[in-house]
N, C-alpha and C. Protein backbone atom coordinates (compact mmCIF):
# COMPACT_ATOMS: atom_id res chain seq x y z
N UNK A 1 0.74 -1.29 -0.21
CA UNK A 1 -0.10 -0.17 -0.23
C UNK A 1 0.89 0.68 0.06
N UNK A 2 0.70 2.52 -0.45
CA UNK A 2 0.90 3.67 -0.36
C UNK A 2 0.32 4.48 0.25
N UNK A 3 1.70 4.51 1.15
CA UNK A 3 1.20 5.86 2.38
C UNK A 3 0.40 7.31 1.95
N UNK A 4 -0.75 7.85 2.21
CA UNK A 4 -1.28 8.79 1.78
C UNK A 4 -0.54 10.22 2.46
N UNK A 5 0.23 11.41 2.03
CA UNK A 5 0.98 11.92 2.80
C UNK A 5 1.22 13.13 2.03
N UNK A 6 0.18 12.93 1.12
CA UNK A 6 0.12 14.79 0.70
C UNK A 6 -0.62 14.82 -0.08
N UNK A 7 -2.15 15.69 -0.72
CA UNK A 7 -3.67 15.80 -0.68
C UNK A 7 -3.54 15.35 -2.10
N UNK A 8 -4.40 14.22 -2.93
CA UNK A 8 -4.78 13.81 -3.70
C UNK A 8 -5.93 14.04 -4.64
N UNK A 9 -6.07 14.55 -5.54
CA UNK A 9 -7.12 15.44 -5.93
C UNK A 9 -7.93 14.88 -7.68
N UNK A 10 -9.13 14.50 -7.27
CA UNK A 10 -9.55 14.04 -8.93
C UNK A 10 -10.72 14.70 -9.02
N UNK A 11 -10.96 14.75 -10.04
CA UNK A 11 -12.41 15.16 -10.95
C UNK A 11 -13.39 14.33 -11.14
N UNK A 12 -14.76 14.65 -10.62
CA UNK A 12 -15.99 13.74 -10.82
C UNK A 12 -17.10 14.48 -11.38
N UNK A 13 -17.73 13.57 -12.47
CA UNK A 13 -18.80 13.98 -12.65
C UNK A 13 -20.07 13.39 -12.36
N UNK A 14 -20.67 14.45 -11.68
CA UNK A 14 -22.17 13.82 -10.95
C UNK A 14 -23.31 14.64 -11.62
N UNK A 15 -24.10 13.80 -12.23
CA UNK A 15 -25.44 14.47 -12.33
C UNK A 15 -25.13 15.57 -13.46
N UNK A 16 -24.21 15.00 -14.42
CA UNK A 16 -23.81 16.11 -15.20
C UNK A 16 -22.94 17.42 -15.00
N UNK A 17 -22.78 17.50 -13.29
CA UNK A 17 -21.72 18.61 -12.80
C UNK A 17 -20.32 18.02 -12.47
N UNK A 18 -19.39 18.88 -12.72
CA UNK A 18 -17.88 18.61 -11.96
C UNK A 18 -17.62 18.88 -10.87
N UNK A 19 -17.14 18.34 -10.27
CA UNK A 19 -16.67 18.43 -8.83
C UNK A 19 -15.21 17.69 -8.62
N UNK A 20 -14.71 18.29 -7.75
CA UNK A 20 -13.38 18.40 -7.22
C UNK A 20 -13.25 17.45 -5.92
N UNK A 21 -12.64 16.20 -5.85
CA UNK A 21 -12.38 15.48 -4.69
C UNK A 21 -11.20 15.64 -4.18
N UNK A 22 -10.84 15.69 -3.26
CA UNK A 22 -9.55 15.94 -2.36
C UNK A 22 -9.80 15.24 -1.10
N UNK A 23 -8.70 14.30 -1.27
CA UNK A 23 -8.27 13.52 -0.46
C UNK A 23 -6.96 13.79 0.33
N UNK A 24 -6.95 13.62 1.54
CA UNK A 24 -5.66 14.20 2.18
C UNK A 24 -5.24 13.45 3.84
N UNK A 25 -4.66 13.55 4.34
CA UNK A 25 -4.29 12.24 5.61
C UNK A 25 -5.58 12.76 6.75
N UNK A 26 -6.17 14.03 6.75
CA UNK A 26 -7.18 14.39 7.85
C UNK A 26 -8.06 14.43 7.50
N UNK A 27 -8.80 14.56 6.28
CA UNK A 27 -10.15 14.80 5.56
C UNK A 27 -10.13 14.60 4.04
N UNK A 28 -11.53 14.33 3.81
CA UNK A 28 -11.99 14.61 2.09
C UNK A 28 -12.91 15.39 2.23
N UNK A 29 -13.00 16.33 1.17
CA UNK A 29 -13.79 17.18 0.71
C UNK A 29 -14.49 17.14 -0.34
N UNK A 30 -15.37 17.23 -0.80
CA UNK A 30 -16.37 17.06 -2.18
C UNK A 30 -16.71 18.30 -2.46
N UNK A 31 -15.62 19.09 -3.73
CA UNK A 31 -16.58 20.76 -3.95
C UNK A 31 -16.39 20.68 -5.59
N UNK A 32 -17.99 21.36 -5.80
CA UNK A 32 -18.18 21.50 -7.22
C UNK A 32 -17.40 22.25 -7.64
N UNK A 33 -16.75 22.18 -9.38
CA UNK A 33 -15.52 22.51 -9.51
C UNK A 33 -16.05 24.30 -10.04
N UNK A 34 -15.16 25.08 -9.37
CA UNK A 34 -15.15 26.39 -9.76
C UNK A 34 -15.58 26.87 -8.39
N UNK A 35 -16.02 26.18 -7.24
CA UNK A 35 -16.63 26.79 -5.96
C UNK A 35 -15.36 26.61 -4.85
N UNK A 36 -15.71 27.07 -3.61
CA UNK A 36 -14.48 26.76 -2.49
C UNK A 36 -15.21 26.17 -1.59
N UNK A 37 -16.37 26.34 -1.14
CA UNK A 37 -17.37 25.49 -0.03
C UNK A 37 -17.86 24.19 -0.82
N UNK A 38 -17.56 23.25 0.26
CA UNK A 38 -18.50 21.49 -0.25
C UNK A 38 -18.59 21.04 0.92
N UNK A 39 -18.50 19.61 0.93
CA UNK A 39 -18.89 18.57 1.72
C UNK A 39 -17.46 18.12 2.27
N UNK A 40 -16.84 18.40 3.71
CA UNK A 40 -15.85 17.75 4.16
C UNK A 40 -16.21 17.13 5.45
N UNK A 41 -15.66 15.71 5.29
CA UNK A 41 -15.45 15.05 6.47
C UNK A 41 -14.48 14.73 7.01
N UNK A 42 -13.91 14.74 8.25
CA UNK A 42 -12.52 14.35 8.51
C UNK A 42 -12.69 12.60 9.04
N UNK A 43 -11.39 12.13 8.44
CA UNK A 43 -11.56 10.84 8.66
C UNK A 43 -11.48 9.93 10.03
N UNK A 44 -11.30 10.76 11.47
CA UNK A 44 -11.95 10.41 12.54
C UNK A 44 -13.36 9.93 12.88
N UNK A 45 -14.03 11.55 12.06
CA UNK A 45 -15.01 11.65 12.12
C UNK A 45 -15.92 10.19 11.78
N UNK A 46 -15.49 9.68 10.87
CA UNK A 46 -15.93 8.45 9.90
C UNK A 46 -15.44 7.38 10.84
N UNK A 47 -14.70 6.79 11.05
CA UNK A 47 -14.23 5.67 11.70
C UNK A 47 -14.60 6.24 13.25
N UNK A 48 -14.96 6.87 14.12
CA UNK A 48 -15.49 6.79 15.46
C UNK A 48 -17.07 6.85 15.19
N UNK A 49 -17.93 6.14 13.60
CA UNK A 49 -18.66 6.47 13.99
C UNK A 49 -19.82 7.74 14.18
N UNK A 50 -19.53 8.36 13.87
CA UNK A 50 -20.22 9.54 14.03
C UNK A 50 -21.55 9.60 12.93
N UNK A 51 -22.86 9.42 13.88
CA UNK A 51 -23.81 8.74 12.25
C UNK A 51 -24.42 10.29 11.90
N UNK A 52 -24.26 11.33 12.80
CA UNK A 52 -24.95 12.55 12.25
C UNK A 52 -24.06 12.61 10.84
N UNK A 53 -22.97 12.75 11.28
CA UNK A 53 -22.08 13.53 9.98
C UNK A 53 -22.15 12.72 8.75
N UNK A 54 -22.12 11.38 9.36
CA UNK A 54 -22.39 10.61 7.99
C UNK A 54 -23.75 10.37 7.25
N UNK A 55 -24.70 10.75 8.03
CA UNK A 55 -25.96 10.88 7.60
C UNK A 55 -26.03 11.92 6.55
N UNK A 56 -25.52 13.29 7.31
CA UNK A 56 -25.58 14.62 6.78
C UNK A 56 -25.13 14.29 5.32
N UNK A 57 -23.94 13.43 5.46
CA UNK A 57 -23.33 13.29 3.83
C UNK A 57 -23.71 12.99 2.98
N UNK A 58 -24.86 11.66 3.60
CA UNK A 58 -25.25 10.62 2.55
C UNK A 58 -26.11 11.80 2.17
N UNK A 59 -26.82 12.49 2.57
CA UNK A 59 -28.12 13.41 2.42
C UNK A 59 -27.67 14.86 1.57
N UNK A 60 -26.86 15.11 1.82
CA UNK A 60 -25.91 16.15 0.81
C UNK A 60 -25.12 15.38 -0.70
N UNK A 61 -25.36 14.54 -0.49
CA UNK A 61 -24.62 13.72 -2.09
C UNK A 61 -26.07 13.23 -2.68
N UNK A 62 -26.96 13.02 -2.23
CA UNK A 62 -28.16 12.31 -2.54
C UNK A 62 -28.91 13.73 -3.40
N UNK A 63 -29.00 14.93 -2.68
CA UNK A 63 -29.26 16.54 -3.15
C UNK A 63 -28.49 16.60 -4.65
N UNK A 64 -26.77 16.30 -4.41
CA UNK A 64 -26.03 16.33 -5.89
C UNK A 64 -26.15 16.02 -7.18
N UNK A 65 -27.32 14.79 -7.07
CA UNK A 65 -27.49 14.34 -8.35
C UNK A 65 -28.16 14.55 -8.56
């Protein structure tokens, strides 16, 4: 396995819209291309099972489709 030691950015197309997914050692962030604000979730919140954040993330992703 390769250690994630710096941000990794990829472009996604969701529902005809372009998004940028940034994955780094602390969190991941999904932002509509050309925007600054988006969905951000820390790995610790995901691993700790913070259900409220996971639910909010899923609801946000569903709206983006």
